[in-house]
Protein backbone atom coordinates (compact mmCIF):
# COMPACT_ATOMS: atom_id res chain seq x y z
CA UNK A 1 -2.31 -36.96 -48.38
CA UNK A 2 0.75 -38.25 -46.53
CA UNK A 3 2.80 -35.31 -47.78
CA UNK A 4 0.12 -32.84 -46.59
CA UNK A 5 0.05 -34.45 -43.15
CA UNK A 6 3.83 -34.27 -42.98
CA UNK A 7 3.83 -30.54 -43.78
CA UNK A 8 1.06 -29.95 -41.24
CA UNK A 9 3.03 -31.87 -38.62
CA UNK A 10 6.20 -29.86 -39.27
CA UNK A 11 4.39 -26.51 -39.11
CA UNK A 12 1.86 -27.15 -36.35
CA UNK A 13 3.71 -29.44 -33.94
CA UNK A 14 6.03 -26.77 -32.45
CA UNK A 15 3.02 -24.55 -31.64
CA UNK A 16 1.19 -27.52 -30.15
CA UNK A 17 4.14 -28.37 -27.88
CA UNK A 18 4.42 -24.85 -26.43
CA UNK A 19 0.67 -24.20 -26.28
CA UNK A 20 0.11 -25.61 -22.72
CA UNK A 21 2.28 -22.87 -21.23
CA UNK A 22 0.52 -20.07 -23.10
CA UNK A 23 -2.93 -21.51 -22.37
CA UNK A 24 -2.11 -21.66 -18.65
CA UNK A 25 -0.58 -18.17 -18.80
CA UNK A 26 -3.75 -16.83 -20.44
CA UNK A 27 -5.95 -18.45 -17.77
CA UNK A 28 -3.82 -17.69 -14.72
CA UNK A 29 -2.08 -14.50 -15.87
CA UNK A 30 -3.92 -12.46 -18.48
CA UNK A 31 -7.49 -13.15 -17.34
CA UNK A 32 -6.87 -12.09 -13.68
CA UNK A 33 -5.09 -8.99 -14.97
CA UNK A 34 -8.02 -7.97 -17.16
CA UNK A 35 -10.56 -8.87 -14.48
CA UNK A 36 -8.67 -6.73 -11.96
CA UNK A 37 -8.82 -3.82 -14.41
CA UNK A 38 -12.60 -4.31 -14.71
CA UNK A 39 -13.05 -4.45 -10.91
CA UNK A 40 -10.95 -1.28 -10.49
CA UNK A 41 -13.60 0.64 -12.46
CA UNK A 42 -16.31 -0.22 -9.93
CA UNK A 43 -17.26 0.57 -6.37
CA UNK A 44 -16.68 -3.08 -5.46
CA UNK A 45 -16.97 -4.02 -1.81
CA UNK A 46 -16.79 -7.60 -0.61
CA UNK A 47 -19.63 -7.03 1.84
CA UNK A 48 -22.01 -5.62 -0.80
CA UNK A 49 -23.90 -7.38 -3.61
CA UNK A 50 -24.10 -4.30 -5.84
CA UNK A 51 -21.06 -3.12 -7.77
CA UNK A 52 -21.60 0.36 -9.20
CA UNK A 53 -19.59 1.42 -12.25
CA UNK A 54 -17.63 4.59 -11.35
CA UNK A 55 -15.06 4.79 -14.16
CA UNK A 56 -11.61 6.00 -13.15
CA UNK A 57 -12.75 7.50 -9.83
CA UNK A 58 -10.71 4.92 -7.85
CA UNK A 59 -7.56 5.99 -9.72
CA UNK A 60 -8.28 9.69 -9.03
CA UNK A 61 -8.79 8.98 -5.32
CA UNK A 62 -5.64 6.89 -5.22
CA UNK A 63 -3.47 9.60 -6.79
CA UNK A 64 -4.73 12.00 -4.11
CA UNK A 65 -4.18 9.44 -1.33
CA UNK A 66 -1.23 10.42 0.90
CA UNK A 67 -0.98 6.83 2.22
CA UNK A 68 -0.39 5.56 -1.33
CA UNK A 69 2.47 7.99 -1.92
CA UNK A 70 3.92 7.18 1.49
CA UNK A 71 3.84 3.46 0.62
CA UNK A 72 5.40 4.15 -2.78
CA UNK A 73 8.22 6.16 -1.20
CA UNK A 74 8.85 3.43 1.39
CA UNK A 75 8.95 0.80 -1.35
CA UNK A 76 11.42 2.78 -3.46
CA UNK A 77 13.62 3.51 -0.43
CA UNK A 78 13.76 -0.14 0.68
CA UNK A 79 14.32 -1.24 -2.91
CA UNK A 80 17.37 1.02 -3.38
CA UNK A 81 18.89 0.25 0.04
CA UNK A 82 18.49 -3.50 -0.45
CA UNK A 83 19.13 -4.02 -4.17
CA UNK A 84 22.34 -2.06 -4.74
CA UNK A 85 24.41 -3.62 -1.89
CA UNK A 86 22.84 -7.02 -2.58
CA UNK A 87 24.07 -7.14 -6.19
CA UNK A 88 27.52 -5.72 -5.32
CA UNK A 89 28.01 -8.33 -2.55
CA UNK A 90 26.78 -11.08 -4.89
CA UNK A 91 29.26 -10.04 -7.58
CA UNK A 92 32.22 -10.01 -5.17
CA UNK A 93 31.13 -13.30 -3.58
CA UNK A 94 30.81 -15.00 -6.97
CA UNK A 95 34.23 -13.69 -8.01
CA UNK A 96 35.83 -15.14 -4.87
CA UNK A 97 34.11 -18.50 -5.33
CA UNK A 98 35.16 -18.58 -8.97
CA UNK A 99 38.73 -19.12 -7.80
CA UNK A 100 40.16 -22.46 -6.71
CA UNK A 101 39.18 -23.05 -3.07
CA UNK A 102 39.18 -26.03 -0.77
CA UNK A 103 35.65 -27.40 -0.32
CA UNK A 104 34.53 -25.39 -3.33
CA UNK A 105 31.25 -27.32 -3.83
CA UNK A 106 30.38 -26.93 -0.16
CA UNK A 107 30.86 -23.15 -0.27
CA UNK A 108 28.82 -22.85 -3.45
CA UNK A 109 25.99 -24.99 -2.07
CA UNK A 110 25.96 -22.81 1.04
CA UNK A 111 24.98 -19.80 -1.04
CA UNK A 112 21.47 -21.12 -1.59
CA UNK A 113 20.77 -21.87 2.09
CA UNK A 114 19.39 -18.38 2.96
CA UNK A 115 17.07 -18.57 -0.04
CA UNK A 116 15.50 -21.89 0.94
CA UNK A 117 15.02 -20.78 4.55
CA UNK A 118 11.46 -19.80 5.42
CA UNK A 119 10.94 -16.05 5.14
CA UNK A 120 8.92 -16.23 8.37
CA UNK A 121 11.86 -17.75 10.24
CA UNK A 122 14.26 -15.23 8.73
CA UNK A 123 12.08 -12.28 9.73
CA UNK A 124 11.52 -13.56 13.25
CA UNK A 125 15.27 -14.08 13.79
CA UNK A 126 16.19 -10.70 12.35
CA UNK A 127 13.36 -9.12 14.35
CA UNK A 128 15.07 -10.45 17.49
CA UNK A 129 18.47 -9.25 16.30
CA UNK A 130 17.09 -5.75 15.72
CA UNK A 131 15.18 -5.72 19.02
CA UNK A 132 15.25 -2.36 20.84
CA UNK A 133 16.01 -3.56 24.38
CA UNK A 134 17.69 -6.96 24.04
CA UNK A 135 18.68 -7.18 20.37
CA UNK A 136 22.18 -8.31 19.42
CA UNK A 137 22.68 -5.37 17.03
CA UNK A 138 21.94 -2.81 19.75
CA UNK A 139 24.20 -4.73 22.17
CA UNK A 140 27.11 -4.43 19.70
CA UNK A 141 26.30 -0.77 19.05
CA UNK A 142 26.27 -0.17 22.81
CA UNK A 143 29.78 -1.66 23.11
CA UNK A 144 31.19 0.72 20.50
CA UNK A 145 29.40 3.67 22.11
CA UNK A 146 26.74 4.33 19.46
CA UNK A 147 23.81 3.63 21.77
CA UNK A 148 20.54 1.82 21.31
CA UNK A 149 18.37 2.38 18.25
CA UNK A 150 14.62 1.77 18.11
CA UNK A 151 14.77 0.14 14.68
CA UNK A 152 11.00 -0.19 14.22
CA UNK A 153 9.95 3.34 15.15
CA UNK A 154 12.19 5.28 12.77
CA UNK A 155 11.69 5.48 9.01
CA UNK A 156 15.35 5.20 8.01
CA UNK A 157 16.21 2.64 10.70
CA UNK A 158 13.25 0.39 9.82
CA UNK A 159 14.12 0.57 6.12
CA UNK A 160 17.71 -0.45 6.90
CA UNK A 161 16.57 -3.36 9.09
CA UNK A 162 14.17 -4.67 6.41
CA UNK A 163 16.81 -4.20 3.71
CA UNK A 164 19.30 -6.28 5.72
CA UNK A 165 16.79 -9.16 5.74
CA UNK A 166 16.34 -8.91 1.97
CA UNK A 167 20.09 -8.66 1.37
CA UNK A 168 20.79 -11.73 3.52
CA UNK A 169 18.08 -13.73 1.77
CA UNK A 170 18.85 -12.94 -1.88
CA UNK A 171 22.60 -12.25 -2.09
CA UNK A 172 23.53 -15.93 -2.38
CA UNK A 173 20.89 -16.53 -5.04
CA UNK A 174 22.26 -13.74 -7.24
CA UNK A 175 25.83 -14.86 -6.53
CA UNK A 176 25.00 -18.29 -7.96
CA UNK A 177 23.65 -16.67 -11.14
CA UNK A 178 26.82 -14.56 -11.46
CA UNK A 179 28.99 -17.61 -10.73
CA UNK A 180 27.33 -19.58 -13.53
CA UNK A 181 27.98 -16.70 -15.93
CA UNK A 182 31.62 -16.40 -14.77
CA UNK A 183 32.19 -20.07 -15.55
CA UNK A 184 31.67 -19.23 -19.23
CA UNK A 185 34.40 -16.54 -19.26
CA UNK A 186 37.52 -18.01 -20.96
CA UNK A 187 40.15 -18.93 -18.40
CA UNK A 188 42.88 -17.77 -20.80
CA UNK A 189 41.82 -14.13 -20.25
CA UNK A 190 42.43 -14.40 -16.51
CA UNK A 191 45.71 -16.27 -17.02
CA UNK A 192 46.98 -13.57 -19.38
CA UNK A 193 45.94 -10.86 -16.90
CA UNK A 194 47.71 -12.65 -14.03
CA UNK A 195 50.89 -12.86 -16.12
CA UNK A 196 50.60 -9.09 -16.72
CA UNK A 197 50.39 -8.55 -12.96
CA UNK A 198 46.70 -7.73 -12.64
CA UNK A 199 45.21 -8.04 -9.17
CA UNK A 200 42.03 -9.94 -8.38
CA UNK A 201 39.91 -6.76 -8.23
CA UNK A 202 41.40 -5.49 -11.49
CA UNK A 203 40.45 -8.76 -13.19
CA UNK A 204 36.95 -8.41 -11.75
CA UNK A 205 36.54 -4.87 -13.12
CA UNK A 206 38.35 -5.27 -16.46
CA UNK A 207 37.50 -8.84 -17.47
CA UNK A 208 34.68 -10.40 -15.46
CA UNK A 209 32.14 -7.57 -15.29
CA UNK A 210 32.34 -6.65 -19.01
CA UNK A 211 32.02 -10.34 -19.91
CA UNK A 212 28.87 -10.95 -17.86
CA UNK A 213 27.02 -7.68 -18.51
CA UNK A 214 23.89 -9.40 -19.94
CA UNK A 215 23.63 -11.45 -16.75
CA UNK A 216 24.04 -8.32 -14.61
CA UNK A 217 21.23 -6.62 -16.57
CA UNK A 218 19.04 -9.67 -15.98
CA UNK A 219 19.65 -9.68 -12.21
CA UNK A 220 19.08 -5.93 -11.95
CA UNK A 221 15.69 -6.21 -13.65
CA UNK A 222 14.61 -9.29 -11.68
CA UNK A 223 15.78 -7.74 -8.39
CA UNK A 224 13.91 -4.53 -9.25
CA UNK A 225 10.69 -6.42 -9.86
CA UNK A 226 11.10 -8.39 -6.62
CA UNK A 227 12.07 -5.30 -4.63
CA UNK A 228 8.90 -3.48 -5.68
CA UNK A 229 6.75 -6.34 -4.36
CA UNK A 230 8.21 -6.72 -0.87
CA UNK A 231 5.49 -7.89 1.51
CA UNK A 232 6.52 -10.59 3.98
CA UNK A 233 9.47 -8.81 5.59
CA UNK A 234 7.65 -5.55 6.52
CA UNK A 235 4.49 -7.48 7.46
CA UNK A 236 6.33 -9.78 9.89
CA UNK A 237 8.78 -7.16 11.15
CA UNK A 238 6.00 -5.68 13.31
CA UNK A 239 3.38 -3.01 13.04
CA UNK A 240 0.74 -5.13 11.30
CA UNK A 241 -0.75 -4.16 7.96
CA UNK A 242 0.03 -0.48 8.46
CA UNK A 243 3.78 -1.10 8.57
CA UNK A 244 4.41 0.60 11.89
CA UNK A 245 2.46 3.02 14.05
CA UNK A 246 3.11 5.87 11.61
CA UNK A 247 3.21 3.71 8.43
CA UNK A 248 6.96 4.27 8.41
CA UNK A 249 7.70 1.00 6.60
CA UNK A 250 4.42 0.21 4.85
CA UNK A 251 5.20 -0.88 1.28
CA UNK A 252 2.88 -0.86 -1.73
CA UNK A 253 2.15 -4.58 -1.36
CA UNK A 254 1.30 -4.09 2.29
CA UNK A 255 -0.98 -1.15 1.48
CA UNK A 256 -2.71 -3.23 -1.20
CA UNK A 257 -3.22 -6.04 1.31
CA UNK A 258 -4.63 -3.60 3.87
CA UNK A 259 -7.19 -2.16 1.42
CA UNK A 260 -8.26 -5.53 0.07
CA UNK A 261 -8.40 -7.70 3.17
CA UNK A 262 -8.87 -5.18 5.98
CA UNK A 263 -11.24 -2.65 4.39
CA UNK A 264 -12.65 -5.18 1.84
CA UNK A 265 -12.64 -2.43 -0.79
CA UNK A 266 -11.75 -4.54 -3.81
CA UNK A 267 -12.34 -1.77 -6.36
CA UNK A 268 -9.81 0.52 -4.68
CA UNK A 269 -7.43 -2.40 -4.11
CA UNK A 270 -7.63 -3.34 -7.79
CA UNK A 271 -6.79 0.22 -8.80
CA UNK A 272 -3.81 0.06 -6.40
CA UNK A 273 -2.71 -3.21 -7.97
CA UNK A 274 -2.81 -1.70 -11.45
CA UNK A 275 -0.85 1.40 -10.45
CA UNK A 276 1.64 -0.88 -8.71
CA UNK A 277 1.94 -2.90 -11.92
CA UNK A 278 2.64 0.28 -13.90
CA UNK A 279 5.26 1.42 -11.37
CA UNK A 280 7.03 -1.97 -11.54
CA UNK A 281 6.96 -1.88 -15.34
CA UNK A 282 8.36 1.66 -15.35
CA UNK A 283 11.17 0.83 -12.89
CA UNK A 284 12.14 -2.34 -14.79
CA UNK A 285 12.11 -0.51 -18.15
CA UNK A 286 14.12 2.40 -16.72
CA UNK A 287 16.70 0.00 -15.33
CA UNK A 288 16.96 -1.78 -18.67
CA UNK A 289 17.48 1.40 -20.70
CA UNK A 290 19.94 2.94 -18.22
CA UNK A 291 22.10 -0.17 -18.09
CA UNK A 292 21.95 -0.61 -21.86
CA UNK A 293 23.08 2.99 -22.27
CA UNK A 294 25.97 2.42 -19.85
CA UNK A 295 26.87 -0.73 -21.78
CA UNK A 296 27.09 1.19 -25.06
CA UNK A 297 29.10 4.07 -23.54
């Protein structure tokens, strides 16, 4: 009997220890996902008690909805403009901080400050900086002769302004991840390269980046997922739920919010959420396979 209990303990205990996470994930993650799929197959309005089953009609309407494609394009544009520079800056910043500097801990701790700052405060400050009439950015552009730009009214200009907010907020966070990975690269490799006359940038390209490729893949995928869900920055930048007077910076998340909590059309909003989920999954998978192919080349 004692031997049987011992074997049961050895085999079952590990599953018992990790079960709370999976139980919570099933309740808070899988169930809402499946329930959203069920709602998306109905004409489900918050102000109506009857929910008629309509099959995939919401998905058909959504694929023919020009506002959905506009929001998808805006999301992809902001994602590219914000993610690529963000990860390059983070990599360079981490490489610099990986060297011996005075006040090294202070500099490293400073990287996380933008990330712990309220996104509302960040957006309000950057909204002032990108102001049309009295913004600091336009004042500097006026000095160099470029002239004033109405950052909110233009599609490209609004995407750049929102991307700058995202870059400022997340560059330090990714730099810390890269810095942690760089700490594991053997110091002897850098010392040998220095003896051979390699410059700092050459060591970054030839030693550091190849050594931390798994970490770079991880940050690319996480940044892609986050970039496809941008909501707070375009919402608070101005223009309300429509993302500007001509929807010039309305993202998918903002469009989903508009359908669900402005029109109260939960069936259509659920279909939007599912298509958004599929787009995020596709972008993350594409990033993973492209980077893995580059890694093998």
